[in-house]
Amino acid sequence: MSQPRDIAVIVGSLRKASWNRKMAHALIALAPPALKLEIVEIGALPLYNPDEEDAGPPAAYTAFRERMHRADGVIFATPEYNRSVPAPLKNAIDVGSRPYGKSVWSGKPAAVISVSPGALGAYGANHQLRQCFVFLDMPVLQQPEAYIGGVEKLFDEAGQLSSDSTRAFLEKYLHAYAAWVERTRRA
């Protein structure tokens, strides 16, 4: 078997006990052998400021960009704040897309899983990210879509995924993403 693909998982929520972080850990545990998932933290990234870039990028920008350059693909796990993506996630996207012409995102196969206690499963944030991917030149997995609502019922007290139907869906989702990565990375 060839080496597994290095997949960066970016969690849009900074809360240590966020539902999206729990979902990211569930994805890591369920990943097929073709994928090696790793959470890439975004909380230490200063707000993107082109003036700072001109003076020399902050070390956190450089470290983030270097890590993302190595990734073969990206899975975004996001909540929805005010029908949009959280500010730290948008900031990470902006940091990775600059300097202009040197985006770390270009050509990387993407997937989005949006998670919320609400019934819509952060639908708005999921689709706002997909809009960004068009400009960022990130081919995004179209099916299956992943809007996970009612998340507070899916994990046990220890933070482990306890829903068999959600586990089965996530396995299907990850296998589809693994096939997507292979198709798009070969193109």
N, C-alpha and C. Protein backbone atom coordinates (compact mmCIF):
# COMPACT_ATOMS: atom_id res chain seq x y z
N MET A 1 0.83 -1.18 0.00
CA MET A 1 0.00 0.00 0.00
C MET A 1 0.88 1.25 0.00
N SER A 2 0.47 2.27 -0.73
CA SER A 2 1.23 3.51 -0.76
C SER A 2 1.02 4.29 0.54
N GLN A 3 1.82 5.31 0.71
CA GLN A 3 1.72 6.16 1.89
C GLN A 3 0.34 6.81 1.95
N PRO A 4 -0.23 6.94 3.16
CA PRO A 4 -1.52 7.63 3.26
C PRO A 4 -1.37 9.11 2.92
N ARG A 5 -2.42 9.69 2.39
CA ARG A 5 -2.44 11.11 2.07
C ARG A 5 -2.52 11.92 3.36
N ASP A 6 -1.72 12.98 3.41
CA ASP A 6 -1.67 13.90 4.56
C ASP A 6 -2.82 14.90 4.44
N ILE A 7 -3.80 14.78 5.31
CA ILE A 7 -4.98 15.63 5.25
C ILE A 7 -5.03 16.53 6.48
N ALA A 8 -4.99 17.82 6.24
CA ALA A 8 -5.13 18.80 7.32
C ALA A 8 -6.60 18.95 7.66
N VAL A 9 -6.90 18.93 8.93
CA VAL A 9 -8.26 19.16 9.40
C VAL A 9 -8.26 20.50 10.12
N ILE A 10 -9.04 21.42 9.62
CA ILE A 10 -9.12 22.75 10.23
C ILE A 10 -10.46 22.88 10.92
N VAL A 11 -10.41 23.12 12.22
CA VAL A 11 -11.60 23.26 13.03
C VAL A 11 -11.92 24.74 13.18
N GLY A 12 -13.12 25.13 12.78
CA GLY A 12 -13.50 26.54 12.79
C GLY A 12 -13.76 27.12 14.16
N SER A 13 -14.01 26.30 15.14
CA SER A 13 -14.27 26.78 16.51
C SER A 13 -12.99 26.71 17.33
N LEU A 14 -12.76 27.73 18.14
CA LEU A 14 -11.58 27.72 19.00
C LEU A 14 -11.85 27.08 20.37
N ARG A 15 -13.10 26.82 20.69
CA ARG A 15 -13.41 26.20 21.99
C ARG A 15 -12.77 24.82 22.10
N LYS A 16 -12.11 24.55 23.22
CA LYS A 16 -11.47 23.24 23.42
C LYS A 16 -12.48 22.11 23.39
N ALA A 17 -13.68 22.35 23.91
CA ALA A 17 -14.70 21.31 23.97
C ALA A 17 -15.76 21.50 22.90
N SER A 18 -15.41 22.13 21.80
CA SER A 18 -16.41 22.40 20.75
C SER A 18 -16.90 21.11 20.12
N TRP A 19 -18.12 21.15 19.63
CA TRP A 19 -18.69 20.01 18.92
C TRP A 19 -17.89 19.72 17.67
N ASN A 20 -17.40 20.76 17.02
CA ASN A 20 -16.63 20.58 15.79
C ASN A 20 -15.28 19.92 16.06
N ARG A 21 -14.67 20.24 17.17
CA ARG A 21 -13.42 19.58 17.55
C ARG A 21 -13.68 18.11 17.85
N LYS A 22 -14.78 17.83 18.54
CA LYS A 22 -15.14 16.43 18.80
C LYS A 22 -15.38 15.69 17.49
N MET A 23 -16.05 16.37 16.56
CA MET A 23 -16.30 15.74 15.26
C MET A 23 -14.99 15.51 14.51
N ALA A 24 -14.06 16.46 14.60
CA ALA A 24 -12.76 16.30 13.96
C ALA A 24 -12.03 15.08 14.54
N HIS A 25 -12.10 14.90 15.85
CA HIS A 25 -11.45 13.73 16.46
C HIS A 25 -12.15 12.43 16.02
N ALA A 26 -13.47 12.48 15.85
CA ALA A 26 -14.18 11.30 15.35
C ALA A 26 -13.73 10.99 13.92
N LEU A 27 -13.57 12.01 13.10
CA LEU A 27 -13.09 11.79 11.73
C LEU A 27 -11.70 11.16 11.73
N ILE A 28 -10.83 11.66 12.59
CA ILE A 28 -9.48 11.11 12.69
C ILE A 28 -9.53 9.62 13.05
N ALA A 29 -10.38 9.28 14.01
CA ALA A 29 -10.49 7.89 14.46
C ALA A 29 -11.08 6.98 13.38
N LEU A 30 -11.93 7.53 12.53
CA LEU A 30 -12.61 6.73 11.51
C LEU A 30 -11.93 6.75 10.15
N ALA A 31 -10.86 7.51 10.01
CA ALA A 31 -10.22 7.67 8.70
C ALA A 31 -9.77 6.33 8.12
N PRO A 32 -10.02 6.13 6.84
CA PRO A 32 -9.54 4.90 6.19
C PRO A 32 -8.02 4.93 6.07
N PRO A 33 -7.40 3.80 5.82
CA PRO A 33 -5.93 3.75 5.74
C PRO A 33 -5.33 4.67 4.68
N ALA A 34 -6.10 5.05 3.69
CA ALA A 34 -5.58 5.92 2.62
C ALA A 34 -5.37 7.36 3.07
N LEU A 35 -5.92 7.71 4.25
CA LEU A 35 -5.83 9.08 4.75
C LEU A 35 -5.22 9.14 6.13
N LYS A 36 -4.36 10.12 6.33
CA LYS A 36 -3.83 10.43 7.67
C LYS A 36 -4.29 11.84 8.01
N LEU A 37 -5.27 11.93 8.91
CA LEU A 37 -5.84 13.21 9.27
C LEU A 37 -5.15 13.78 10.49
N GLU A 38 -4.92 15.09 10.45
CA GLU A 38 -4.29 15.79 11.58
C GLU A 38 -4.90 17.17 11.71
N ILE A 39 -5.30 17.53 12.92
CA ILE A 39 -5.83 18.87 13.16
C ILE A 39 -4.70 19.88 13.07
N VAL A 40 -4.92 20.92 12.29
CA VAL A 40 -3.97 22.04 12.19
C VAL A 40 -4.63 23.21 12.91
N GLU A 41 -4.00 23.64 13.97
CA GLU A 41 -4.57 24.69 14.82
C GLU A 41 -4.50 26.06 14.15
N ILE A 42 -5.54 26.87 14.37
CA ILE A 42 -5.59 28.21 13.77
C ILE A 42 -5.72 29.32 14.81
N GLY A 43 -5.85 28.97 16.08
CA GLY A 43 -6.10 29.96 17.12
C GLY A 43 -4.99 30.96 17.35
N ALA A 44 -3.76 30.62 17.02
CA ALA A 44 -2.63 31.53 17.26
C ALA A 44 -2.35 32.45 16.08
N LEU A 45 -3.12 32.33 15.00
CA LEU A 45 -2.87 33.19 13.84
C LEU A 45 -3.34 34.61 14.13
N PRO A 46 -2.45 35.60 14.04
CA PRO A 46 -2.91 36.98 14.18
C PRO A 46 -3.86 37.31 13.03
N LEU A 47 -4.73 38.29 13.25
CA LEU A 47 -5.62 38.71 12.17
C LEU A 47 -4.78 39.12 10.97
N TYR A 48 -5.23 38.70 9.80
CA TYR A 48 -4.47 39.01 8.60
C TYR A 48 -4.39 40.51 8.39
N ASN A 49 -3.19 41.00 8.20
CA ASN A 49 -2.95 42.42 7.98
C ASN A 49 -1.85 42.55 6.93
N PRO A 50 -2.18 43.05 5.75
CA PRO A 50 -1.17 43.17 4.69
C PRO A 50 0.03 44.03 5.10
N ASP A 51 -0.16 44.99 6.01
CA ASP A 51 0.97 45.81 6.46
C ASP A 51 2.01 44.95 7.17
N GLU A 52 1.54 43.99 7.98
CA GLU A 52 2.47 43.09 8.66
C GLU A 52 3.20 42.22 7.66
N GLU A 53 2.50 41.83 6.61
CA GLU A 53 3.10 41.01 5.56
C GLU A 53 4.26 41.76 4.90
N ASP A 54 4.05 43.05 4.65
CA ASP A 54 5.09 43.87 4.02
C ASP A 54 6.34 43.96 4.88
N ALA A 55 6.15 43.98 6.19
CA ALA A 55 7.29 44.09 7.12
C ALA A 55 7.94 42.73 7.37
N GLY A 56 7.38 41.70 6.83
CA GLY A 56 7.85 40.33 7.08
C GLY A 56 6.76 39.61 7.83
N PRO A 57 6.30 38.48 7.32
CA PRO A 57 5.14 37.82 7.92
C PRO A 57 5.41 37.36 9.36
N PRO A 58 4.39 37.44 10.21
CA PRO A 58 4.53 36.89 11.56
C PRO A 58 4.91 35.40 11.49
N ALA A 59 5.63 34.94 12.46
CA ALA A 59 6.07 33.54 12.50
C ALA A 59 4.89 32.58 12.41
N ALA A 60 3.76 32.94 13.02
CA ALA A 60 2.59 32.06 12.99
C ALA A 60 2.06 31.91 11.56
N TYR A 61 2.12 32.97 10.77
CA TYR A 61 1.71 32.87 9.36
C TYR A 61 2.61 31.88 8.62
N THR A 62 3.91 32.05 8.81
CA THR A 62 4.88 31.23 8.10
C THR A 62 4.72 29.75 8.46
N ALA A 63 4.58 29.46 9.76
CA ALA A 63 4.43 28.07 10.20
C ALA A 63 3.14 27.46 9.63
N PHE A 64 2.06 28.22 9.66
CA PHE A 64 0.79 27.74 9.13
C PHE A 64 0.90 27.47 7.63
N ARG A 65 1.46 28.40 6.91
CA ARG A 65 1.59 28.24 5.46
C ARG A 65 2.46 27.04 5.10
N GLU A 66 3.57 26.86 5.83
CA GLU A 66 4.44 25.72 5.56
C GLU A 66 3.71 24.41 5.80
N ARG A 67 2.94 24.34 6.90
CA ARG A 67 2.20 23.11 7.20
C ARG A 67 1.14 22.83 6.12
N MET A 68 0.46 23.87 5.71
CA MET A 68 -0.59 23.69 4.72
C MET A 68 -0.01 23.34 3.34
N HIS A 69 1.15 23.84 3.02
CA HIS A 69 1.80 23.46 1.74
C HIS A 69 2.05 21.96 1.70
N ARG A 70 2.38 21.35 2.83
CA ARG A 70 2.67 19.92 2.87
C ARG A 70 1.42 19.05 2.75
N ALA A 71 0.27 19.61 3.08
CA ALA A 71 -0.98 18.83 3.08
C ALA A 71 -1.39 18.44 1.67
N ASP A 72 -1.91 17.23 1.55
CA ASP A 72 -2.44 16.76 0.27
C ASP A 72 -3.90 17.16 0.07
N GLY A 73 -4.56 17.57 1.14
CA GLY A 73 -5.95 17.97 1.09
C GLY A 73 -6.36 18.57 2.42
N VAL A 74 -7.59 19.09 2.46
CA VAL A 74 -8.06 19.78 3.67
C VAL A 74 -9.52 19.44 3.92
N ILE A 75 -9.81 19.09 5.16
CA ILE A 75 -11.19 18.95 5.62
C ILE A 75 -11.44 20.08 6.60
N PHE A 76 -12.49 20.83 6.35
CA PHE A 76 -12.89 21.93 7.23
C PHE A 76 -14.07 21.46 8.07
N ALA A 77 -13.97 21.58 9.38
CA ALA A 77 -15.08 21.28 10.29
C ALA A 77 -15.49 22.60 10.91
N THR A 78 -16.71 23.03 10.64
CA THR A 78 -17.08 24.37 11.06
C THR A 78 -18.45 24.46 11.70
N PRO A 79 -18.55 25.33 12.71
CA PRO A 79 -19.87 25.72 13.19
C PRO A 79 -20.37 26.88 12.34
N GLU A 80 -21.53 27.37 12.68
CA GLU A 80 -22.08 28.54 11.99
C GLU A 80 -22.29 29.65 13.01
N TYR A 81 -21.72 30.80 12.72
CA TYR A 81 -21.92 31.98 13.56
C TYR A 81 -22.65 33.01 12.71
N ASN A 82 -23.86 33.35 13.09
CA ASN A 82 -24.63 34.38 12.39
C ASN A 82 -24.77 34.10 10.90
N ARG A 83 -25.06 32.84 10.56
CA ARG A 83 -25.23 32.38 9.18
C ARG A 83 -23.96 32.48 8.35
N SER A 84 -22.81 32.42 9.02
CA SER A 84 -21.53 32.53 8.32
C SER A 84 -20.49 31.68 9.04
N VAL A 85 -19.27 31.73 8.51
CA VAL A 85 -18.16 31.00 9.14
C VAL A 85 -17.60 31.83 10.30
N PRO A 86 -17.05 31.18 11.29
CA PRO A 86 -16.43 31.92 12.39
C PRO A 86 -15.22 32.72 11.91
N ALA A 87 -14.98 33.84 12.57
CA ALA A 87 -13.88 34.74 12.18
C ALA A 87 -12.52 34.03 12.16
N PRO A 88 -12.19 33.18 13.14
CA PRO A 88 -10.86 32.53 13.07
C PRO A 88 -10.68 31.67 11.83
N LEU A 89 -11.74 31.04 11.37
CA LEU A 89 -11.65 30.21 10.17
C LEU A 89 -11.45 31.08 8.93
N LYS A 90 -12.21 32.14 8.83
CA LYS A 90 -12.04 33.06 7.69
C LYS A 90 -10.64 33.66 7.72
N ASN A 91 -10.14 33.98 8.89
CA ASN A 91 -8.78 34.52 9.01
C ASN A 91 -7.75 33.51 8.51
N ALA A 92 -7.90 32.24 8.88
CA ALA A 92 -6.97 31.20 8.43
C ALA A 92 -7.00 31.08 6.91
N ILE A 93 -8.18 31.17 6.34
CA ILE A 93 -8.30 31.12 4.88
C ILE A 93 -7.55 32.30 4.27
N ASP A 94 -7.74 33.48 4.84
CA ASP A 94 -7.07 34.68 4.31
C ASP A 94 -5.55 34.59 4.46
N VAL A 95 -5.07 34.14 5.61
CA VAL A 95 -3.63 33.99 5.82
C VAL A 95 -3.04 33.02 4.81
N GLY A 96 -3.73 31.91 4.59
CA GLY A 96 -3.23 30.91 3.64
C GLY A 96 -3.29 31.34 2.19
N SER A 97 -4.14 32.30 1.88
CA SER A 97 -4.30 32.72 0.49
C SER A 97 -3.32 33.82 0.08
N ARG A 98 -2.52 34.29 1.00
CA ARG A 98 -1.59 35.38 0.73
C ARG A 98 -0.16 34.94 0.97
N PRO A 99 0.82 35.60 0.41
CA PRO A 99 0.70 36.72 -0.51
C PRO A 99 0.07 36.27 -1.82
N TYR A 100 -0.53 37.22 -2.49
CA TYR A 100 -1.25 36.93 -3.73
C TYR A 100 -0.34 36.16 -4.70
N GLY A 101 -0.91 35.11 -5.27
CA GLY A 101 -0.15 34.28 -6.20
C GLY A 101 0.58 33.13 -5.53
N LYS A 102 0.57 33.09 -4.18
CA LYS A 102 1.27 32.02 -3.46
C LYS A 102 0.34 31.31 -2.47
N SER A 103 -0.92 31.18 -2.85
CA SER A 103 -1.91 30.56 -1.98
C SER A 103 -1.55 29.11 -1.66
N VAL A 104 -1.71 28.74 -0.41
CA VAL A 104 -1.47 27.35 0.00
C VAL A 104 -2.66 26.46 -0.36
N TRP A 105 -3.76 27.07 -0.74
CA TRP A 105 -4.99 26.33 -0.99
C TRP A 105 -5.13 25.81 -2.42
N SER A 106 -4.51 26.45 -3.37
CA SER A 106 -4.74 26.17 -4.78
C SER A 106 -4.53 24.70 -5.13
N GLY A 107 -5.58 24.12 -5.69
CA GLY A 107 -5.52 22.73 -6.14
C GLY A 107 -5.72 21.68 -5.07
N LYS A 108 -5.80 22.07 -3.80
CA LYS A 108 -5.96 21.07 -2.73
C LYS A 108 -7.41 20.62 -2.65
N PRO A 109 -7.66 19.31 -2.72
CA PRO A 109 -9.02 18.82 -2.58
C PRO A 109 -9.56 19.11 -1.19
N ALA A 110 -10.76 19.67 -1.16
CA ALA A 110 -11.37 20.09 0.09
C ALA A 110 -12.65 19.31 0.36
N ALA A 111 -13.03 19.30 1.63
CA ALA A 111 -14.33 18.79 2.06
C ALA A 111 -14.76 19.64 3.25
N VAL A 112 -16.06 19.77 3.42
CA VAL A 112 -16.62 20.53 4.52
C VAL A 112 -17.57 19.66 5.30
N ILE A 113 -17.43 19.71 6.61
CA ILE A 113 -18.42 19.11 7.48
C ILE A 113 -18.83 20.21 8.45
N SER A 114 -20.12 20.53 8.44
CA SER A 114 -20.60 21.58 9.33
C SER A 114 -21.46 20.95 10.41
N VAL A 115 -21.25 21.43 11.63
CA VAL A 115 -21.80 20.77 12.80
C VAL A 115 -22.44 21.81 13.72
N SER A 116 -23.65 21.52 14.17
CA SER A 116 -24.29 22.43 15.12
C SER A 116 -25.37 21.70 15.91
N PRO A 117 -25.76 22.27 17.04
CA PRO A 117 -26.89 21.71 17.77
C PRO A 117 -28.22 21.95 17.02
N GLY A 118 -28.26 22.95 16.18
CA GLY A 118 -29.48 23.28 15.44
C GLY A 118 -29.80 22.26 14.36
N ALA A 119 -31.03 22.31 13.89
CA ALA A 119 -31.52 21.33 12.91
C ALA A 119 -30.87 21.48 11.54
N LEU A 120 -30.41 22.69 11.18
CA LEU A 120 -29.85 22.90 9.85
C LEU A 120 -28.40 22.45 9.71
N GLY A 121 -27.76 22.09 10.81
CA GLY A 121 -26.39 21.57 10.73
C GLY A 121 -25.40 22.56 10.14
N ALA A 122 -25.57 23.85 10.46
CA ALA A 122 -24.65 24.90 10.00
C ALA A 122 -24.59 24.98 8.48
N TYR A 123 -25.73 24.82 7.86
CA TYR A 123 -25.86 24.85 6.40
C TYR A 123 -25.27 26.13 5.80
N GLY A 124 -25.54 27.28 6.41
CA GLY A 124 -25.05 28.56 5.87
C GLY A 124 -23.54 28.64 5.85
N ALA A 125 -22.90 28.23 6.92
CA ALA A 125 -21.43 28.25 6.99
C ALA A 125 -20.84 27.30 5.95
N ASN A 126 -21.44 26.14 5.81
CA ASN A 126 -20.97 25.15 4.85
C ASN A 126 -20.94 25.75 3.45
N HIS A 127 -22.01 26.42 3.08
CA HIS A 127 -22.08 26.98 1.73
C HIS A 127 -21.24 28.23 1.56
N GLN A 128 -21.03 29.00 2.61
CA GLN A 128 -20.11 30.14 2.49
C GLN A 128 -18.69 29.65 2.24
N LEU A 129 -18.29 28.58 2.90
CA LEU A 129 -16.96 28.02 2.64
C LEU A 129 -16.84 27.56 1.19
N ARG A 130 -17.87 26.91 0.69
CA ARG A 130 -17.85 26.44 -0.69
C ARG A 130 -17.69 27.61 -1.67
N GLN A 131 -18.26 28.77 -1.36
CA GLN A 131 -18.07 29.94 -2.20
C GLN A 131 -16.61 30.37 -2.20
N CYS A 132 -15.98 30.35 -1.05
CA CYS A 132 -14.55 30.70 -0.96
C CYS A 132 -13.71 29.75 -1.82
N PHE A 133 -14.05 28.47 -1.82
CA PHE A 133 -13.26 27.47 -2.54
C PHE A 133 -13.18 27.76 -4.03
N VAL A 134 -14.23 28.37 -4.58
CA VAL A 134 -14.21 28.70 -6.01
C VAL A 134 -13.05 29.64 -6.29
N PHE A 135 -12.93 30.71 -5.51
CA PHE A 135 -11.85 31.66 -5.73
C PHE A 135 -10.50 31.04 -5.37
N LEU A 136 -10.47 30.23 -4.33
CA LEU A 136 -9.21 29.65 -3.86
C LEU A 136 -8.72 28.50 -4.75
N ASP A 137 -9.50 28.10 -5.74
CA ASP A 137 -9.15 27.01 -6.64
C ASP A 137 -9.00 25.69 -5.90
N MET A 138 -9.95 25.43 -4.99
CA MET A 138 -9.97 24.18 -4.22
C MET A 138 -11.12 23.32 -4.73
N PRO A 139 -10.83 22.21 -5.38
CA PRO A 139 -11.92 21.32 -5.78
C PRO A 139 -12.55 20.71 -4.53
N VAL A 140 -13.86 20.87 -4.40
CA VAL A 140 -14.53 20.44 -3.18
C VAL A 140 -15.40 19.21 -3.44
N LEU A 141 -15.36 18.29 -2.50
CA LEU A 141 -16.21 17.10 -2.54
C LEU A 141 -17.67 17.56 -2.57
N GLN A 142 -18.40 17.11 -3.57
CA GLN A 142 -19.80 17.51 -3.70
C GLN A 142 -20.76 16.57 -2.95
N GLN A 143 -20.49 15.28 -3.04
CA GLN A 143 -21.37 14.30 -2.40
C GLN A 143 -20.54 13.24 -1.70
N PRO A 144 -20.91 12.83 -0.52
CA PRO A 144 -22.07 13.28 0.21
C PRO A 144 -21.81 14.62 0.90
N GLU A 145 -22.86 15.42 1.02
CA GLU A 145 -22.76 16.66 1.78
C GLU A 145 -22.84 16.30 3.25
N ALA A 146 -22.22 17.11 4.09
CA ALA A 146 -22.20 16.79 5.53
C ALA A 146 -22.66 17.98 6.36
N TYR A 147 -23.93 17.97 6.70
CA TYR A 147 -24.53 18.95 7.61
C TYR A 147 -25.01 18.14 8.81
N ILE A 148 -24.32 18.27 9.92
CA ILE A 148 -24.63 17.46 11.09
C ILE A 148 -25.36 18.33 12.11
N GLY A 149 -26.66 18.13 12.22
CA GLY A 149 -27.47 18.85 13.20
C GLY A 149 -27.71 17.98 14.42
N GLY A 150 -28.19 18.60 15.50
CA GLY A 150 -28.48 17.85 16.72
C GLY A 150 -27.26 17.18 17.30
N VAL A 151 -26.11 17.81 17.14
CA VAL A 151 -24.84 17.19 17.50
C VAL A 151 -24.73 16.83 18.98
N GLU A 152 -25.42 17.57 19.83
CA GLU A 152 -25.30 17.31 21.27
C GLU A 152 -25.82 15.92 21.65
N LYS A 153 -26.57 15.28 20.74
CA LYS A 153 -27.11 13.94 20.99
C LYS A 153 -26.20 12.84 20.43
N LEU A 154 -25.12 13.21 19.76
CA LEU A 154 -24.31 12.23 19.04
C LEU A 154 -23.06 11.78 19.78
N PHE A 155 -22.71 12.45 20.88
CA PHE A 155 -21.50 12.14 21.63
C PHE A 155 -21.85 11.78 23.06
N ASP A 156 -21.05 10.87 23.64
CA ASP A 156 -21.28 10.50 25.03
C ASP A 156 -20.59 11.49 25.97
N GLU A 157 -20.67 11.23 27.25
CA GLU A 157 -20.09 12.14 28.26
C GLU A 157 -18.58 12.28 28.12
N ALA A 158 -17.92 11.28 27.57
CA ALA A 158 -16.46 11.32 27.39
C ALA A 158 -16.06 11.99 26.08
N GLY A 159 -17.06 12.46 25.31
CA GLY A 159 -16.76 13.13 24.05
C GLY A 159 -16.56 12.19 22.88
N GLN A 160 -16.94 10.92 23.05
CA GLN A 160 -16.80 9.93 21.99
C GLN A 160 -18.10 9.82 21.19
N LEU A 161 -17.96 9.64 19.91
CA LEU A 161 -19.12 9.48 19.04
C LEU A 161 -19.91 8.25 19.49
N SER A 162 -21.19 8.42 19.77
CA SER A 162 -21.99 7.30 20.26
C SER A 162 -23.13 6.92 19.32
N SER A 163 -23.26 7.61 18.22
CA SER A 163 -24.33 7.34 17.26
C SER A 163 -23.82 6.41 16.15
N ASP A 164 -24.39 5.23 16.08
CA ASP A 164 -23.98 4.28 15.04
C ASP A 164 -24.31 4.79 13.64
N SER A 165 -25.46 5.43 13.48
CA SER A 165 -25.82 5.92 12.15
C SER A 165 -24.90 7.06 11.72
N THR A 166 -24.49 7.91 12.65
CA THR A 166 -23.55 8.99 12.31
C THR A 166 -22.18 8.40 11.99
N ARG A 167 -21.77 7.40 12.75
CA ARG A 167 -20.49 6.73 12.47
C ARG A 167 -20.50 6.13 11.06
N ALA A 168 -21.58 5.47 10.69
CA ALA A 168 -21.69 4.88 9.36
C ALA A 168 -21.65 5.96 8.28
N PHE A 169 -22.34 7.08 8.53
CA PHE A 169 -22.31 8.18 7.56
C PHE A 169 -20.90 8.74 7.43
N LEU A 170 -20.20 8.96 8.55
CA LEU A 170 -18.86 9.53 8.50
C LEU A 170 -17.89 8.60 7.78
N GLU A 171 -18.03 7.31 7.96
CA GLU A 171 -17.18 6.35 7.24
C GLU A 171 -17.42 6.46 5.74
N LYS A 172 -18.67 6.53 5.34
CA LYS A 172 -19.01 6.71 3.92
C LYS A 172 -18.43 8.03 3.40
N TYR A 173 -18.59 9.08 4.17
CA TYR A 173 -18.08 10.41 3.82
C TYR A 173 -16.56 10.38 3.63
N LEU A 174 -15.85 9.77 4.56
CA LEU A 174 -14.38 9.71 4.48
C LEU A 174 -13.91 8.85 3.31
N HIS A 175 -14.59 7.77 3.01
CA HIS A 175 -14.22 6.96 1.86
C HIS A 175 -14.46 7.73 0.56
N ALA A 176 -15.56 8.48 0.50
CA ALA A 176 -15.81 9.31 -0.68
C ALA A 176 -14.73 10.39 -0.81
N TYR A 177 -14.34 10.96 0.33
CA TYR A 177 -13.30 11.99 0.29
C TYR A 177 -11.96 11.38 -0.14
N ALA A 178 -11.63 10.21 0.35
CA ALA A 178 -10.37 9.55 -0.04
C ALA A 178 -10.34 9.33 -1.55
N ALA A 179 -11.45 8.88 -2.12
CA ALA A 179 -11.52 8.69 -3.58
C ALA A 179 -11.41 10.04 -4.29
N TRP A 180 -12.02 11.08 -3.73
CA TRP A 180 -11.95 12.43 -4.30
C TRP A 180 -10.51 12.94 -4.32
N VAL A 181 -9.80 12.73 -3.23
CA VAL A 181 -8.40 13.17 -3.15
C VAL A 181 -7.59 12.48 -4.24
N GLU A 182 -7.78 11.20 -4.40
CA GLU A 182 -7.01 10.48 -5.42
C GLU A 182 -7.34 10.96 -6.82
N ARG A 183 -8.63 11.17 -7.10
CA ARG A 183 -9.01 11.67 -8.44
C ARG A 183 -8.44 13.05 -8.71
N THR A 184 -8.55 13.95 -7.77
CA THR A 184 -8.13 15.33 -8.01
C THR A 184 -6.61 15.49 -7.95
N ARG A 185 -5.94 14.70 -7.16
CA ARG A 185 -4.46 14.81 -7.06
C ARG A 185 -3.80 14.23 -8.31
N ARG A 186 -4.46 13.31 -9.01
CA ARG A 186 -3.93 12.73 -10.23
C ARG A 186 -4.15 13.63 -11.43
N ALA A 187 -5.19 14.45 -11.35
CA ALA A 187 -5.58 15.30 -12.51
C ALA A 187 -4.52 16.32 -12.86
